[in-house]
């Protein structure tokens, strides 16, 4: 992610991350109050293209981001899925090609494996 932004790892961590215990986590910013979004990742740009949420490091985003919205807490029930869709709309939720359950499971397992070194 640091390379994508043209920063050294040290500068990236200082600008975009925070330490939680012994692990690093991306900083969050307060989202637009009128949208009731809560907190956005510091790398999410909602200003450059009105109506769009663009990741500054999309090609290098963490597995946590790659697997959204298919997180355990979102897929355990239809109600949880609908609440996640309302709280943090994702353009792919409910539209586009159907993703096979095997692909979703594969991505979730990869996210869990990578989360050993992250605070999320």
C-alpha atoms as a PDB file:
ATOM      1  CA  UNK A   1       0.000   0.000   0.000  1.00  0.00           C
ATOM      2  CA  UNK A   2       2.860   2.345   0.805  1.00  0.00           C
ATOM      3  CA  UNK A   3       4.390   1.762  -2.622  1.00  0.00           C
ATOM      4  CA  UNK A   4       1.051   2.455  -4.336  1.00  0.00           C
ATOM      5  CA  UNK A   5       0.984   5.860  -2.591  1.00  0.00           C
ATOM      6  CA  UNK A   6       4.663   6.573  -3.289  1.00  0.00           C
ATOM      7  CA  UNK A   7       5.575   6.490   0.400  1.00  0.00           C
ATOM      8  CA  UNK A   8       8.106   4.687   2.509  1.00  0.00           C
ATOM      9  CA  UNK A   9       6.677   2.132   4.918  1.00  0.00           C
ATOM     10  CA  UNK A  10       7.573   4.420   7.820  1.00  0.00           C
ATOM     11  CA  UNK A  11       5.773   7.400   6.258  1.00  0.00           C
ATOM     12  CA  UNK A  12       2.755   5.265   5.336  1.00  0.00           C
ATOM     13  CA  UNK A  13       2.410   3.967   8.882  1.00  0.00           C
ATOM     14  CA  UNK A  14       2.714   7.467  10.339  1.00  0.00           C
ATOM     15  CA  UNK A  15       0.133   8.931   7.934  1.00  0.00           C
ATOM     16  CA  UNK A  16      -2.404   6.132   7.500  1.00  0.00           C
ATOM     17  CA  UNK A  17      -2.071   3.631  10.346  1.00  0.00           C
ATOM     18  CA  UNK A  18      -2.247   3.418  14.094  1.00  0.00           C
ATOM     19  CA  UNK A  19      -0.919   0.938  16.583  1.00  0.00           C
ATOM     20  CA  UNK A  20      -3.410  -1.137  18.536  1.00  0.00           C
ATOM     21  CA  UNK A  21      -1.491  -3.138  21.079  1.00  0.00           C
ATOM     22  CA  UNK A  22       1.321  -4.750  19.120  1.00  0.00           C
ATOM     23  CA  UNK A  23      -0.510  -4.663  15.762  1.00  0.00           C
ATOM     24  CA  UNK A  24      -1.165  -2.044  13.094  1.00  0.00           C
ATOM     25  CA  UNK A  25      -4.591  -0.954  11.886  1.00  0.00           C
ATOM     26  CA  UNK A  26      -5.590   1.537   9.215  1.00  0.00           C
ATOM     27  CA  UNK A  27      -6.900   4.800  10.633  1.00  0.00           C
ATOM     28  CA  UNK A  28     -10.558   5.654  10.249  1.00  0.00           C
ATOM     29  CA  UNK A  29     -12.261   8.937   9.604  1.00  0.00           C
ATOM     30  CA  UNK A  30     -15.802  10.037  10.339  1.00  0.00           C
ATOM     31  CA  UNK A  31     -17.978   9.489   7.285  1.00  0.00           C
ATOM     32  CA  UNK A  32     -20.527  11.982   6.007  1.00  0.00           C
ATOM     33  CA  UNK A  33     -23.074  12.566   8.783  1.00  0.00           C
ATOM     34  CA  UNK A  34     -25.897  12.938   6.293  1.00  0.00           C
ATOM     35  CA  UNK A  35     -25.295   9.371   5.134  1.00  0.00           C
ATOM     36  CA  UNK A  36     -24.992   7.934   8.659  1.00  0.00           C
ATOM     37  CA  UNK A  37     -21.994   5.865   7.611  1.00  0.00           C
ATOM     38  CA  UNK A  38     -20.057   6.049  10.846  1.00  0.00           C
ATOM     39  CA  UNK A  39     -16.363   5.602  10.159  1.00  0.00           C
ATOM     40  CA  UNK A  40     -14.612   5.156   6.824  1.00  0.00           C
ATOM     41  CA  UNK A  41     -11.141   3.831   6.165  1.00  0.00           C
ATOM     42  CA  UNK A  42      -8.720   6.719   5.788  1.00  0.00           C
ATOM     43  CA  UNK A  43      -7.928   5.415   2.306  1.00  0.00           C
ATOM     44  CA  UNK A  44     -11.537   5.688   1.111  1.00  0.00           C
ATOM     45  CA  UNK A  45     -12.083   8.784  -1.017  1.00  0.00           C
ATOM     46  CA  UNK A  46     -15.691   9.996  -1.198  1.00  0.00           C
ATOM     47  CA  UNK A  47     -14.871  13.492  -2.500  1.00  0.00           C
ATOM     48  CA  UNK A  48     -13.131  13.099  -5.881  1.00  0.00           C
ATOM     49  CA  UNK A  49     -16.114  11.554  -7.659  1.00  0.00           C
ATOM     50  CA  UNK A  50     -19.457  12.536  -6.100  1.00  0.00           C
ATOM     51  CA  UNK A  51     -21.594   9.528  -5.261  1.00  0.00           C
ATOM     52  CA  UNK A  52     -18.664   7.117  -5.436  1.00  0.00           C
ATOM     53  CA  UNK A  53     -16.392   5.659  -2.771  1.00  0.00           C
ATOM     54  CA  UNK A  54     -12.940   5.048  -4.253  1.00  0.00           C
ATOM     55  CA  UNK A  55     -10.086   3.278  -2.526  1.00  0.00           C
ATOM     56  CA  UNK A  56      -6.744   5.026  -2.933  1.00  0.00           C
ATOM     57  CA  UNK A  57      -4.953   1.662  -2.927  1.00  0.00           C
ATOM     58  CA  UNK A  58      -7.640  -0.510  -4.552  1.00  0.00           C
ATOM     59  CA  UNK A  59      -5.176  -2.748  -6.408  1.00  0.00           C
ATOM     60  CA  UNK A  60      -3.228  -3.354  -3.186  1.00  0.00           C
ATOM     61  CA  UNK A  61      -6.053  -3.309  -0.646  1.00  0.00           C
ATOM     62  CA  UNK A  62      -5.922  -5.724   2.291  1.00  0.00           C
ATOM     63  CA  UNK A  63      -7.845  -9.014   2.219  1.00  0.00           C
ATOM     64  CA  UNK A  64     -10.267  -7.537   4.737  1.00  0.00           C
ATOM     65  CA  UNK A  65     -11.331  -5.065   2.075  1.00  0.00           C
ATOM     66  CA  UNK A  66     -11.249  -7.575  -0.767  1.00  0.00           C
ATOM     67  CA  UNK A  67     -13.674  -9.834   1.062  1.00  0.00           C
ATOM     68  CA  UNK A  68     -16.247  -7.135   1.941  1.00  0.00           C
ATOM     69  CA  UNK A  69     -19.211  -7.689   2.160  1.00  0.00           C
ATOM     70  CA  UNK A  70     -18.711 -11.419   2.608  1.00  0.00           C
ATOM     71  CA  UNK A  71     -17.656 -11.229   6.263  1.00  0.00           C
ATOM     72  CA  UNK A  72     -18.955 -13.789   8.757  1.00  0.00           C
ATOM     73  CA  UNK A  73     -21.171 -11.273  10.534  1.00  0.00           C
ATOM     74  CA  UNK A  74     -22.770 -10.222   7.223  1.00  0.00           C
ATOM     75  CA  UNK A  75     -23.497 -13.646   5.765  1.00  0.00           C
ATOM     76  CA  UNK A  76     -24.873 -15.464   8.792  1.00  0.00           C
ATOM     77  CA  UNK A  77     -28.457 -14.379   7.994  1.00  0.00           C
ATOM     78  CA  UNK A  78     -30.499 -12.495   5.433  1.00  0.00           C
ATOM     79  CA  UNK A  79     -31.217  -9.836   8.075  1.00  0.00           C
ATOM     80  CA  UNK A  80     -27.474  -9.342   8.722  1.00  0.00           C
ATOM     81  CA  UNK A  81     -26.860  -9.060   4.972  1.00  0.00           C
ATOM     82  CA  UNK A  82     -29.618  -6.461   4.559  1.00  0.00           C
ATOM     83  CA  UNK A  83     -28.328  -4.451   7.540  1.00  0.00           C
ATOM     84  CA  UNK A  84     -24.778  -4.457   6.139  1.00  0.00           C
ATOM     85  CA  UNK A  85     -26.089  -3.373   2.740  1.00  0.00           C
ATOM     86  CA  UNK A  86     -27.968  -0.477   4.345  1.00  0.00           C
ATOM     87  CA  UNK A  87     -25.123   0.590   6.666  1.00  0.00           C
ATOM     88  CA  UNK A  88     -22.268   0.388   4.158  1.00  0.00           C
ATOM     89  CA  UNK A  89     -23.634   0.038   0.646  1.00  0.00           C
ATOM     90  CA  UNK A  90     -21.486  -1.897  -1.754  1.00  0.00           C
ATOM     91  CA  UNK A  91     -22.299  -1.556  -5.469  1.00  0.00           C
ATOM     92  CA  UNK A  92     -22.004  -5.316  -5.890  1.00  0.00           C
ATOM     93  CA  UNK A  93     -24.495  -6.251  -3.181  1.00  0.00           C
ATOM     94  CA  UNK A  94     -27.596  -7.590  -4.893  1.00  0.00           C
ATOM     95  CA  UNK A  95     -26.360  -6.907  -8.419  1.00  0.00           C
ATOM     96  CA  UNK A  96     -23.835  -8.228 -10.874  1.00  0.00           C
ATOM     97  CA  UNK A  97     -22.786 -11.825 -11.337  1.00  0.00           C
ATOM     98  CA  UNK A  98     -23.494 -14.364  -8.623  1.00  0.00           C
ATOM     99  CA  UNK A  99     -20.306 -15.343  -6.789  1.00  0.00           C
ATOM    100  CA  UNK A 100     -20.161 -19.057  -6.001  1.00  0.00           C
ATOM    101  CA  UNK A 101     -20.117 -19.952  -2.293  1.00  0.00           C
ATOM    102  CA  UNK A 102     -16.786 -21.757  -2.788  1.00  0.00           C
ATOM    103  CA  UNK A 103     -15.142 -18.514  -3.967  1.00  0.00           C
ATOM    104  CA  UNK A 104     -16.571 -16.612  -1.007  1.00  0.00           C
ATOM    105  CA  UNK A 105     -15.345 -19.262   1.423  1.00  0.00           C
ATOM    106  CA  UNK A 106     -11.889 -19.233  -0.175  1.00  0.00           C
ATOM    107  CA  UNK A 107     -11.673 -15.446   0.222  1.00  0.00           C
ATOM    108  CA  UNK A 108     -12.890 -15.582   3.837  1.00  0.00           C
ATOM    109  CA  UNK A 109     -10.300 -18.205   4.731  1.00  0.00           C
ATOM    110  CA  UNK A 110      -7.563 -16.114   3.123  1.00  0.00           C
ATOM    111  CA  UNK A 111      -8.728 -13.058   5.086  1.00  0.00           C
ATOM    112  CA  UNK A 112      -8.689 -15.005   8.349  1.00  0.00           C
ATOM    113  CA  UNK A 113      -5.204 -16.338   7.641  1.00  0.00           C
ATOM    114  CA  UNK A 114      -3.862 -12.867   6.884  1.00  0.00           C
ATOM    115  CA  UNK A 115      -5.537 -11.288   9.908  1.00  0.00           C
ATOM    116  CA  UNK A 116      -3.034 -12.884  12.279  1.00  0.00           C
ATOM    117  CA  UNK A 117      -0.745  -9.891  11.681  1.00  0.00           C
ATOM    118  CA  UNK A 118      -3.396  -7.164  11.639  1.00  0.00           C
ATOM    119  CA  UNK A 119      -5.634  -5.637  14.245  1.00  0.00           C
ATOM    120  CA  UNK A 120      -8.768  -6.245  12.174  1.00  0.00           C
END
